[in-house]
Amino acid sequence: GGREESEREERRKRERWRERDRERREEEEREMERERDRREEEEEQREKERERQERKDRKREKEKERERQRETETERREEERQKRERKVEREKERERQEREKERGERRERERREEEEGEMERERQGEKRGGRERDGERERQKRGGGGAERERERKTREKRQEKRERKREREAEGD
């Protein structure tokens, strides 16, 4: 019976080896599985990190874009403001020139009227001849000189008006 005993022993040994081999293989497979899981986990982490970075970049890009738009908007508003100011300036200048022109025309008209009046008076004087001039002297002796006084009064009034207009202009200018 010793041979059967040793054969049984052999079989048991072989069983144990096979068992150990199987366990070793299973352990190796489990190890590989764990390794694979670890790699996948790392890959996922990297992916997440990449996405996070991309989101951050996009956000920063958007922020920059908004900043650029704000600057553009500010510049645009500034340009519009300057344009408005220039327009107002041009308008003021135009009005000033208009007033200048009107003043010039008025002065010219007054001068002409004055000259015409002067000529008319001279003609009147010639018509009446020497008598008028004699009478003029007489009147001045008597303290007459109505026309002379009238002229002086007009001159005074004109000066007065001029001063008032100047004051008004200065008030407008303020």
N, C-alpha and C. Protein backbone atom coordinates (compact mmCIF):
# COMPACT_ATOMS: atom_id res chain seq x y z
N GLY A 1 0.81 -1.20 0.00
CA GLY A 1 0.00 0.00 0.00
C GLY A 1 0.84 1.25 0.00
N GLY A 2 2.15 1.09 0.14
CA GLY A 2 3.01 2.28 0.22
C GLY A 2 3.01 3.09 -1.07
N ARG A 3 2.86 2.32 -2.23
CA ARG A 3 2.90 3.04 -3.52
C ARG A 3 1.66 3.93 -3.66
N GLU A 4 0.48 3.37 -3.34
CA GLU A 4 -0.75 4.17 -3.41
C GLU A 4 -0.63 5.42 -2.54
N GLU A 5 -0.07 5.19 -1.39
CA GLU A 5 0.13 6.31 -0.46
C GLU A 5 0.97 7.39 -1.12
N SER A 6 2.09 7.00 -1.71
CA SER A 6 2.97 8.00 -2.32
C SER A 6 2.29 8.65 -3.53
N GLU A 7 1.48 7.88 -4.29
CA GLU A 7 0.76 8.49 -5.43
C GLU A 7 -0.24 9.53 -4.94
N ARG A 8 -0.96 9.14 -3.89
CA ARG A 8 -1.91 10.11 -3.32
C ARG A 8 -1.17 11.38 -2.88
N GLU A 9 -0.03 11.16 -2.27
CA GLU A 9 0.81 12.28 -1.83
C GLU A 9 1.17 13.16 -3.02
N GLU A 10 1.60 12.50 -4.11
CA GLU A 10 1.95 13.23 -5.36
C GLU A 10 0.77 14.07 -5.85
N ARG A 11 -0.41 13.38 -5.90
CA ARG A 11 -1.59 14.09 -6.39
C ARG A 11 -1.88 15.33 -5.53
N ARG A 12 -1.84 15.12 -4.21
CA ARG A 12 -2.09 16.25 -3.32
C ARG A 12 -1.09 17.38 -3.57
N LYS A 13 0.19 17.03 -3.73
CA LYS A 13 1.23 18.03 -4.01
C LYS A 13 0.89 18.81 -5.27
N ARG A 14 0.58 18.01 -6.34
CA ARG A 14 0.26 18.67 -7.62
C ARG A 14 -0.96 19.59 -7.45
N GLU A 15 -1.98 19.11 -6.73
CA GLU A 15 -3.17 19.93 -6.44
C GLU A 15 -2.74 21.26 -5.80
N ARG A 16 -1.92 21.12 -4.74
CA ARG A 16 -1.47 22.33 -4.03
C ARG A 16 -0.74 23.29 -4.97
N TRP A 17 0.14 22.74 -5.84
CA TRP A 17 0.87 23.60 -6.79
C TRP A 17 -0.10 24.32 -7.73
N ARG A 18 -1.03 23.46 -8.25
CA ARG A 18 -2.02 24.08 -9.15
C ARG A 18 -2.79 25.19 -8.41
N GLU A 19 -3.19 24.89 -7.19
CA GLU A 19 -3.91 25.86 -6.37
C GLU A 19 -3.06 27.13 -6.22
N ARG A 20 -1.76 26.91 -5.85
CA ARG A 20 -0.87 28.07 -5.70
C ARG A 20 -0.73 28.85 -7.00
N ASP A 21 -0.56 28.10 -8.11
CA ASP A 21 -0.45 28.77 -9.42
C ASP A 21 -1.70 29.61 -9.69
N ARG A 22 -2.87 29.00 -9.46
CA ARG A 22 -4.12 29.70 -9.72
C ARG A 22 -4.18 30.98 -8.86
N GLU A 23 -3.87 30.82 -7.57
CA GLU A 23 -3.90 31.98 -6.67
C GLU A 23 -2.93 33.06 -7.15
N ARG A 24 -1.71 32.60 -7.57
CA ARG A 24 -0.73 33.58 -8.05
C ARG A 24 -1.27 34.32 -9.29
N ARG A 25 -1.83 33.55 -10.22
CA ARG A 25 -2.40 34.17 -11.43
C ARG A 25 -3.51 35.15 -11.06
N GLU A 26 -4.40 34.72 -10.19
CA GLU A 26 -5.50 35.60 -9.77
C GLU A 26 -4.94 36.87 -9.12
N GLU A 27 -3.93 36.68 -8.29
CA GLU A 27 -3.30 37.84 -7.63
C GLU A 27 -2.71 38.78 -8.68
N GLU A 28 -2.02 38.21 -9.66
CA GLU A 28 -1.43 39.03 -10.73
C GLU A 28 -2.53 39.77 -11.50
N GLU A 29 -3.60 39.04 -11.79
CA GLU A 29 -4.72 39.68 -12.52
C GLU A 29 -5.30 40.82 -11.69
N ARG A 30 -5.50 40.54 -10.38
CA ARG A 30 -6.02 41.59 -9.51
C ARG A 30 -5.08 42.80 -9.52
N GLU A 31 -3.78 42.50 -9.47
CA GLU A 31 -2.77 43.57 -9.49
C GLU A 31 -2.89 44.39 -10.78
N MET A 32 -2.99 43.67 -11.91
CA MET A 32 -3.14 44.36 -13.19
C MET A 32 -4.41 45.21 -13.20
N GLU A 33 -5.46 44.62 -12.67
CA GLU A 33 -6.76 45.33 -12.60
C GLU A 33 -6.59 46.64 -11.80
N ARG A 34 -5.95 46.47 -10.61
CA ARG A 34 -5.71 47.66 -9.78
C ARG A 34 -4.90 48.71 -10.54
N GLU A 35 -3.88 48.26 -11.24
CA GLU A 35 -3.01 49.16 -12.02
C GLU A 35 -3.84 49.90 -13.08
N ARG A 36 -4.68 49.12 -13.77
CA ARG A 36 -5.53 49.70 -14.80
C ARG A 36 -6.45 50.77 -14.18
N ASP A 37 -7.07 50.39 -13.05
CA ASP A 37 -7.95 51.34 -12.37
C ASP A 37 -7.20 52.62 -12.01
N ARG A 38 -5.98 52.43 -11.46
CA ARG A 38 -5.19 53.58 -11.06
C ARG A 38 -4.92 54.50 -12.26
N ARG A 39 -4.51 53.86 -13.38
CA ARG A 39 -4.23 54.65 -14.60
C ARG A 39 -5.48 55.39 -15.07
N GLU A 40 -6.61 54.70 -15.08
CA GLU A 40 -7.86 55.34 -15.51
C GLU A 40 -8.19 56.52 -14.60
N GLU A 41 -8.03 56.28 -13.31
CA GLU A 41 -8.28 57.34 -12.32
C GLU A 41 -7.40 58.56 -12.62
N GLU A 42 -6.12 58.31 -12.83
CA GLU A 42 -5.19 59.41 -13.15
C GLU A 42 -5.63 60.14 -14.41
N GLU A 43 -5.99 59.35 -15.42
CA GLU A 43 -6.42 59.93 -16.71
C GLU A 43 -7.63 60.83 -16.48
N GLU A 44 -8.59 60.32 -15.70
CA GLU A 44 -9.78 61.13 -15.40
C GLU A 44 -9.39 62.43 -14.70
N GLN A 45 -8.49 62.30 -13.73
CA GLN A 45 -8.03 63.49 -13.01
C GLN A 45 -7.42 64.50 -13.98
N ARG A 46 -6.54 63.99 -14.84
CA ARG A 46 -5.91 64.89 -15.82
C ARG A 46 -6.96 65.56 -16.70
N GLU A 47 -7.93 64.77 -17.13
CA GLU A 47 -9.02 65.28 -17.99
C GLU A 47 -9.77 66.41 -17.26
N LYS A 48 -10.13 66.12 -16.00
CA LYS A 48 -10.83 67.12 -15.20
C LYS A 48 -10.00 68.40 -15.09
N GLU A 49 -8.72 68.22 -14.81
CA GLU A 49 -7.81 69.36 -14.66
C GLU A 49 -7.77 70.18 -15.95
N ARG A 50 -7.69 69.45 -17.07
CA ARG A 50 -7.65 70.12 -18.37
C ARG A 50 -8.93 70.95 -18.58
N GLU A 51 -10.06 70.33 -18.30
CA GLU A 51 -11.34 71.04 -18.47
C GLU A 51 -11.40 72.27 -17.58
N ARG A 52 -10.94 72.09 -16.33
CA ARG A 52 -10.94 73.21 -15.39
C ARG A 52 -10.10 74.37 -15.95
N GLN A 53 -8.92 74.00 -16.45
CA GLN A 53 -8.01 75.00 -17.02
C GLN A 53 -8.66 75.71 -18.21
N GLU A 54 -9.30 74.90 -19.07
CA GLU A 54 -9.96 75.48 -20.25
C GLU A 54 -11.05 76.46 -19.82
N ARG A 55 -11.85 76.04 -18.82
CA ARG A 55 -12.90 76.94 -18.33
C ARG A 55 -12.29 78.25 -17.83
N LYS A 56 -11.19 78.09 -17.08
CA LYS A 56 -10.52 79.27 -16.54
C LYS A 56 -10.06 80.18 -17.67
N ASP A 57 -9.43 79.55 -18.67
CA ASP A 57 -8.92 80.32 -19.83
C ASP A 57 -10.06 81.05 -20.53
N ARG A 58 -11.16 80.29 -20.76
CA ARG A 58 -12.31 80.90 -21.45
C ARG A 58 -12.83 82.09 -20.65
N LYS A 59 -12.92 81.89 -19.34
CA LYS A 59 -13.42 82.95 -18.48
C LYS A 59 -12.51 84.18 -18.58
N ARG A 60 -11.20 83.92 -18.51
CA ARG A 60 -10.23 85.03 -18.60
C ARG A 60 -10.37 85.75 -19.94
N GLU A 61 -10.53 84.96 -21.00
CA GLU A 61 -10.67 85.50 -22.36
C GLU A 61 -11.91 86.41 -22.42
N LYS A 62 -13.02 85.88 -21.86
CA LYS A 62 -14.27 86.65 -21.84
C LYS A 62 -14.06 87.96 -21.09
N GLU A 63 -13.40 87.86 -19.94
CA GLU A 63 -13.14 89.03 -19.11
C GLU A 63 -12.35 90.06 -19.91
N LYS A 64 -11.31 89.58 -20.59
CA LYS A 64 -10.48 90.48 -21.42
C LYS A 64 -11.34 91.14 -22.48
N GLU A 65 -12.18 90.32 -23.11
CA GLU A 65 -13.05 90.83 -24.19
C GLU A 65 -13.96 91.93 -23.63
N ARG A 66 -14.55 91.64 -22.45
CA ARG A 66 -15.41 92.64 -21.82
C ARG A 66 -14.63 93.92 -21.54
N GLU A 67 -13.40 93.74 -21.05
CA GLU A 67 -12.54 94.89 -20.75
C GLU A 67 -12.30 95.70 -22.02
N ARG A 68 -11.99 94.98 -23.10
CA ARG A 68 -11.75 95.66 -24.39
C ARG A 68 -12.99 96.43 -24.80
N GLN A 69 -14.15 95.79 -24.66
CA GLN A 69 -15.41 96.45 -25.04
C GLN A 69 -15.64 97.68 -24.19
N ARG A 70 -15.36 97.53 -22.87
CA ARG A 70 -15.53 98.68 -21.98
C ARG A 70 -14.64 99.83 -22.44
N GLU A 71 -13.37 99.51 -22.76
CA GLU A 71 -12.44 100.54 -23.22
C GLU A 71 -12.97 101.18 -24.49
N THR A 72 -13.42 100.33 -25.42
CA THR A 72 -13.95 100.83 -26.69
C THR A 72 -15.14 101.75 -26.41
N GLU A 73 -16.02 101.29 -25.52
CA GLU A 73 -17.22 102.06 -25.15
C GLU A 73 -16.80 103.42 -24.58
N THR A 74 -15.83 103.37 -23.66
CA THR A 74 -15.35 104.62 -23.05
C THR A 74 -14.79 105.54 -24.11
N GLU A 75 -13.94 104.97 -24.99
CA GLU A 75 -13.35 105.78 -26.06
C GLU A 75 -14.45 106.38 -26.92
N ARG A 76 -15.46 105.55 -27.24
CA ARG A 76 -16.55 106.01 -28.11
C ARG A 76 -17.28 107.19 -27.44
N ARG A 77 -17.59 106.99 -26.15
CA ARG A 77 -18.28 108.06 -25.42
C ARG A 77 -17.44 109.34 -25.41
N GLU A 78 -16.12 109.17 -25.18
CA GLU A 78 -15.21 110.32 -25.14
C GLU A 78 -15.22 111.04 -26.48
N GLU A 79 -15.13 110.26 -27.57
CA GLU A 79 -15.14 110.85 -28.91
C GLU A 79 -16.44 111.61 -29.14
N GLU A 80 -17.56 111.01 -28.74
CA GLU A 80 -18.85 111.67 -28.93
C GLU A 80 -18.90 112.98 -28.15
N ARG A 81 -18.36 112.92 -26.91
CA ARG A 81 -18.36 114.13 -26.09
C ARG A 81 -17.55 115.24 -26.79
N GLN A 82 -16.37 114.87 -27.28
CA GLN A 82 -15.53 115.85 -27.97
C GLN A 82 -16.23 116.39 -29.20
N LYS A 83 -16.91 115.47 -29.93
CA LYS A 83 -17.61 115.89 -31.14
C LYS A 83 -18.67 116.93 -30.77
N ARG A 84 -19.43 116.61 -29.69
CA ARG A 84 -20.47 117.55 -29.25
C ARG A 84 -19.86 118.90 -28.89
N GLU A 85 -18.73 118.85 -28.15
CA GLU A 85 -18.07 120.09 -27.75
C GLU A 85 -17.65 120.90 -28.97
N ARG A 86 -17.04 120.20 -29.94
CA ARG A 86 -16.60 120.89 -31.15
C ARG A 86 -17.79 121.53 -31.85
N LYS A 87 -18.90 120.80 -31.89
CA LYS A 87 -20.10 121.31 -32.56
C LYS A 87 -20.56 122.59 -31.86
N VAL A 88 -20.60 122.53 -30.52
CA VAL A 88 -21.03 123.70 -29.74
C VAL A 88 -20.10 124.88 -30.03
N GLU A 89 -18.77 124.58 -30.05
CA GLU A 89 -17.79 125.63 -30.33
C GLU A 89 -18.05 126.26 -31.69
N ARG A 90 -18.24 125.39 -32.71
CA ARG A 90 -18.49 125.88 -34.06
C ARG A 90 -19.73 126.77 -34.07
N GLU A 91 -20.77 126.31 -33.36
CA GLU A 91 -22.04 127.05 -33.30
C GLU A 91 -21.79 128.43 -32.69
N LYS A 92 -21.05 128.45 -31.57
CA LYS A 92 -20.76 129.72 -30.90
C LYS A 92 -20.01 130.65 -31.84
N GLU A 93 -19.00 130.08 -32.51
CA GLU A 93 -18.17 130.87 -33.44
C GLU A 93 -19.05 131.46 -34.54
N ARG A 94 -19.95 130.61 -35.08
CA ARG A 94 -20.84 131.06 -36.15
C ARG A 94 -21.70 132.23 -35.65
N GLU A 95 -22.25 132.06 -34.45
CA GLU A 95 -23.09 133.12 -33.88
C GLU A 95 -22.29 134.40 -33.68
N ARG A 96 -21.03 134.23 -33.20
CA ARG A 96 -20.18 135.39 -32.97
C ARG A 96 -19.97 136.14 -34.29
N GLN A 97 -19.62 135.38 -35.34
CA GLN A 97 -19.38 136.00 -36.64
C GLN A 97 -20.65 136.68 -37.14
N GLU A 98 -21.78 136.01 -36.92
CA GLU A 98 -23.08 136.56 -37.32
C GLU A 98 -23.27 137.93 -36.64
N ARG A 99 -23.03 137.96 -35.33
CA ARG A 99 -23.19 139.22 -34.58
C ARG A 99 -22.24 140.28 -35.10
N GLU A 100 -20.96 139.86 -35.34
CA GLU A 100 -19.95 140.77 -35.89
C GLU A 100 -20.49 141.41 -37.16
N LYS A 101 -20.99 140.54 -38.05
CA LYS A 101 -21.47 140.98 -39.36
C LYS A 101 -22.62 141.98 -39.16
N GLU A 102 -23.58 141.60 -38.30
CA GLU A 102 -24.72 142.48 -38.06
C GLU A 102 -24.25 143.83 -37.53
N ARG A 103 -23.30 143.78 -36.58
CA ARG A 103 -22.79 145.03 -36.01
C ARG A 103 -22.16 145.88 -37.11
N GLY A 104 -21.34 145.24 -37.94
CA GLY A 104 -20.68 145.94 -39.04
C GLY A 104 -21.70 146.60 -39.95
N GLU A 105 -22.72 145.81 -40.32
CA GLU A 105 -23.76 146.32 -41.22
C GLU A 105 -24.49 147.49 -40.59
N ARG A 106 -24.79 147.36 -39.28
CA ARG A 106 -25.51 148.42 -38.59
C ARG A 106 -24.67 149.70 -38.57
N ARG A 107 -23.37 149.53 -38.23
CA ARG A 107 -22.47 150.70 -38.21
C ARG A 107 -22.45 151.37 -39.59
N GLU A 108 -22.33 150.54 -40.63
CA GLU A 108 -22.28 151.06 -42.00
C GLU A 108 -23.56 151.84 -42.31
N ARG A 109 -24.71 151.24 -41.95
CA ARG A 109 -26.00 151.88 -42.20
C ARG A 109 -26.08 153.23 -41.47
N GLU A 110 -25.68 153.21 -40.19
CA GLU A 110 -25.74 154.44 -39.39
C GLU A 110 -24.84 155.51 -40.00
N ARG A 111 -23.65 155.06 -40.46
CA ARG A 111 -22.70 156.02 -41.05
C ARG A 111 -23.32 156.65 -42.31
N ARG A 112 -23.91 155.77 -43.15
CA ARG A 112 -24.55 156.27 -44.38
C ARG A 112 -25.66 157.26 -44.05
N GLU A 113 -26.51 156.86 -43.10
CA GLU A 113 -27.63 157.73 -42.72
C GLU A 113 -27.11 159.06 -42.22
N GLU A 114 -26.04 158.97 -41.42
CA GLU A 114 -25.43 160.19 -40.87
C GLU A 114 -24.94 161.08 -42.01
N GLU A 115 -24.22 160.44 -42.98
CA GLU A 115 -23.70 161.20 -44.12
C GLU A 115 -24.84 161.82 -44.92
N GLU A 116 -25.87 161.00 -45.18
CA GLU A 116 -27.01 161.51 -45.96
C GLU A 116 -27.66 162.68 -45.24
N GLY A 117 -27.81 162.54 -43.94
CA GLY A 117 -28.40 163.61 -43.13
C GLY A 117 -27.56 164.87 -43.24
N GLU A 118 -26.23 164.66 -43.16
CA GLU A 118 -25.28 165.77 -43.25
C GLU A 118 -25.46 166.49 -44.59
N MET A 119 -25.48 165.67 -45.68
CA MET A 119 -25.62 166.23 -47.02
C MET A 119 -26.95 166.99 -47.14
N GLU A 120 -28.01 166.37 -46.60
CA GLU A 120 -29.35 166.98 -46.66
C GLU A 120 -29.31 168.34 -45.96
N ARG A 121 -28.69 168.35 -44.78
CA ARG A 121 -28.61 169.61 -44.03
C ARG A 121 -27.84 170.67 -44.82
N GLU A 122 -26.73 170.18 -45.44
CA GLU A 122 -25.94 171.14 -46.24
C GLU A 122 -26.78 171.69 -47.37
N ARG A 123 -27.54 170.78 -48.06
CA ARG A 123 -28.39 171.24 -49.18
C ARG A 123 -29.40 172.27 -48.68
N GLN A 124 -30.02 171.94 -47.54
CA GLN A 124 -31.00 172.86 -46.97
C GLN A 124 -30.34 174.22 -46.73
N GLY A 125 -29.14 174.15 -46.19
CA GLY A 125 -28.39 175.38 -45.89
C GLY A 125 -28.12 176.17 -47.16
N GLU A 126 -27.75 175.47 -48.24
CA GLU A 126 -27.45 176.15 -49.50
C GLU A 126 -28.71 176.81 -50.04
N LYS A 127 -29.84 176.08 -49.94
CA LYS A 127 -31.10 176.62 -50.46
C LYS A 127 -31.40 177.95 -49.78
N ARG A 128 -31.22 177.96 -48.49
CA ARG A 128 -31.54 179.19 -47.76
C ARG A 128 -30.43 180.23 -47.90
N GLY A 129 -29.29 179.71 -48.37
CA GLY A 129 -28.19 180.63 -48.63
C GLY A 129 -27.62 181.21 -47.36
N GLY A 130 -27.09 182.42 -47.47
CA GLY A 130 -26.38 183.06 -46.36
C GLY A 130 -27.26 183.33 -45.17
N ARG A 131 -28.54 183.56 -45.46
CA ARG A 131 -29.44 183.91 -44.36
C ARG A 131 -29.40 182.86 -43.27
N GLU A 132 -29.41 181.56 -43.73
CA GLU A 132 -29.41 180.45 -42.76
C GLU A 132 -28.19 180.56 -41.86
N ARG A 133 -27.04 180.76 -42.51
CA ARG A 133 -25.81 180.80 -41.72
C ARG A 133 -25.81 182.01 -40.77
N ASP A 134 -26.31 183.15 -41.28
CA ASP A 134 -26.39 184.32 -40.41
C ASP A 134 -27.27 184.01 -39.21
N GLY A 135 -28.40 183.41 -39.52
CA GLY A 135 -29.35 183.05 -38.46
C GLY A 135 -28.70 182.09 -37.47
N GLU A 136 -27.88 181.18 -37.99
CA GLU A 136 -27.20 180.20 -37.14
C GLU A 136 -26.35 180.94 -36.12
N ARG A 137 -25.59 181.91 -36.62
CA ARG A 137 -24.73 182.68 -35.70
C ARG A 137 -25.59 183.41 -34.67
N GLU A 138 -26.67 184.00 -35.16
CA GLU A 138 -27.57 184.71 -34.26
C GLU A 138 -28.06 183.78 -33.16
N ARG A 139 -28.54 182.61 -33.61
CA ARG A 139 -29.08 181.64 -32.65
C ARG A 139 -28.05 181.26 -31.61
N GLN A 140 -26.80 181.03 -32.08
CA GLN A 140 -25.78 180.63 -31.13
C GLN A 140 -25.54 181.74 -30.12
N LYS A 141 -25.58 182.96 -30.58
CA LYS A 141 -25.42 184.08 -29.64
C LYS A 141 -26.55 184.03 -28.61
N ARG A 142 -27.75 183.77 -29.11
CA ARG A 142 -28.90 183.74 -28.21
C ARG A 142 -28.94 182.44 -27.39
N GLY A 143 -27.93 181.57 -27.65
CA GLY A 143 -27.94 180.28 -26.94
C GLY A 143 -28.88 179.32 -27.60
N GLY A 144 -29.05 179.47 -28.93
CA GLY A 144 -29.92 178.55 -29.67
C GLY A 144 -29.15 177.29 -30.02
N GLY A 145 -28.88 177.13 -31.34
CA GLY A 145 -28.14 175.95 -31.80
C GLY A 145 -28.90 174.67 -31.56
N GLY A 146 -30.19 174.66 -31.87
CA GLY A 146 -31.02 173.47 -31.65
C GLY A 146 -30.49 172.24 -32.36
N ALA A 147 -30.09 172.41 -33.65
CA ALA A 147 -29.61 171.27 -34.45
C ALA A 147 -28.34 170.71 -33.83
N GLU A 148 -27.45 171.62 -33.41
CA GLU A 148 -26.18 171.23 -32.79
C GLU A 148 -26.46 170.39 -31.54
N ARG A 149 -27.35 170.95 -30.69
CA ARG A 149 -27.69 170.23 -29.46
C ARG A 149 -28.30 168.86 -29.78
N GLU A 150 -29.15 168.86 -30.79
CA GLU A 150 -29.80 167.61 -31.19
C GLU A 150 -28.74 166.57 -31.58
N ARG A 151 -27.77 167.01 -32.40
CA ARG A 151 -26.70 166.11 -32.84
C ARG A 151 -25.93 165.56 -31.63
N GLU A 152 -25.58 166.45 -30.72
CA GLU A 152 -24.84 166.03 -29.52
C GLU A 152 -25.65 165.01 -28.72
N ARG A 153 -26.96 165.30 -28.60
CA ARG A 153 -27.82 164.38 -27.85
C ARG A 153 -27.80 163.00 -28.50
N LYS A 154 -27.94 162.99 -29.84
CA LYS A 154 -27.94 161.71 -30.56
C LYS A 154 -26.63 160.96 -30.33
N THR A 155 -25.52 161.68 -30.40
CA THR A 155 -24.21 161.07 -30.19
C THR A 155 -24.15 160.44 -28.80
N ARG A 156 -24.61 161.21 -27.80
CA ARG A 156 -24.61 160.69 -26.43
C ARG A 156 -25.44 159.42 -26.33
N GLU A 157 -26.64 159.46 -26.92
CA GLU A 157 -27.52 158.28 -26.87
C GLU A 157 -26.85 157.07 -27.52
N LYS A 158 -26.22 157.31 -28.68
CA LYS A 158 -25.55 156.20 -29.39
C LYS A 158 -24.47 155.58 -28.52
N ARG A 159 -23.67 156.45 -27.90
CA ARG A 159 -22.61 155.94 -27.03
C ARG A 159 -23.20 155.11 -25.91
N GLN A 160 -24.29 155.62 -25.33
CA GLN A 160 -24.98 154.93 -24.25
C GLN A 160 -25.42 153.54 -24.71
N GLU A 161 -26.08 153.50 -25.90
CA GLU A 161 -26.53 152.21 -26.45
C GLU A 161 -25.36 151.25 -26.63
N LYS A 162 -24.27 151.78 -27.18
CA LYS A 162 -23.09 150.95 -27.41
C LYS A 162 -22.62 150.32 -26.11
N ARG A 163 -22.53 151.17 -25.07
CA ARG A 163 -22.09 150.66 -23.77
C ARG A 163 -23.01 149.56 -23.27
N GLU A 164 -24.33 149.79 -23.40
CA GLU A 164 -25.30 148.78 -22.94
C GLU A 164 -25.14 147.48 -23.71
N ARG A 165 -24.99 147.58 -25.03
CA ARG A 165 -24.80 146.37 -25.85
C ARG A 165 -23.56 145.61 -25.42
N LYS A 166 -22.50 146.36 -25.17
CA LYS A 166 -21.25 145.73 -24.75
C LYS A 166 -21.47 144.98 -23.44
N ARG A 167 -22.16 145.65 -22.49
CA ARG A 167 -22.46 145.00 -21.21
C ARG A 167 -23.26 143.71 -21.43
N GLU A 168 -24.27 143.76 -22.29
CA GLU A 168 -25.09 142.57 -22.56
C GLU A 168 -24.23 141.44 -23.13
N ARG A 169 -23.37 141.81 -24.08
CA ARG A 169 -22.49 140.80 -24.69
C ARG A 169 -21.62 140.13 -23.63
N GLU A 170 -21.04 140.95 -22.76
CA GLU A 170 -20.18 140.40 -21.71
C GLU A 170 -20.97 139.49 -20.79
N ALA A 171 -22.19 139.89 -20.50
CA ALA A 171 -23.05 139.07 -19.64
C ALA A 171 -23.34 137.73 -20.32
N GLU A 172 -23.60 137.77 -21.62
CA GLU A 172 -23.83 136.53 -22.38
C GLU A 172 -22.60 135.64 -22.35
N GLY A 173 -21.46 136.27 -22.54
CA GLY A 173 -20.19 135.54 -22.58
C GLY A 173 -19.92 134.75 -21.31
N ASP A 174 -20.37 135.26 -20.18
CA ASP A 174 -20.11 134.59 -18.89
C ASP A 174 -20.80 133.26 -18.78
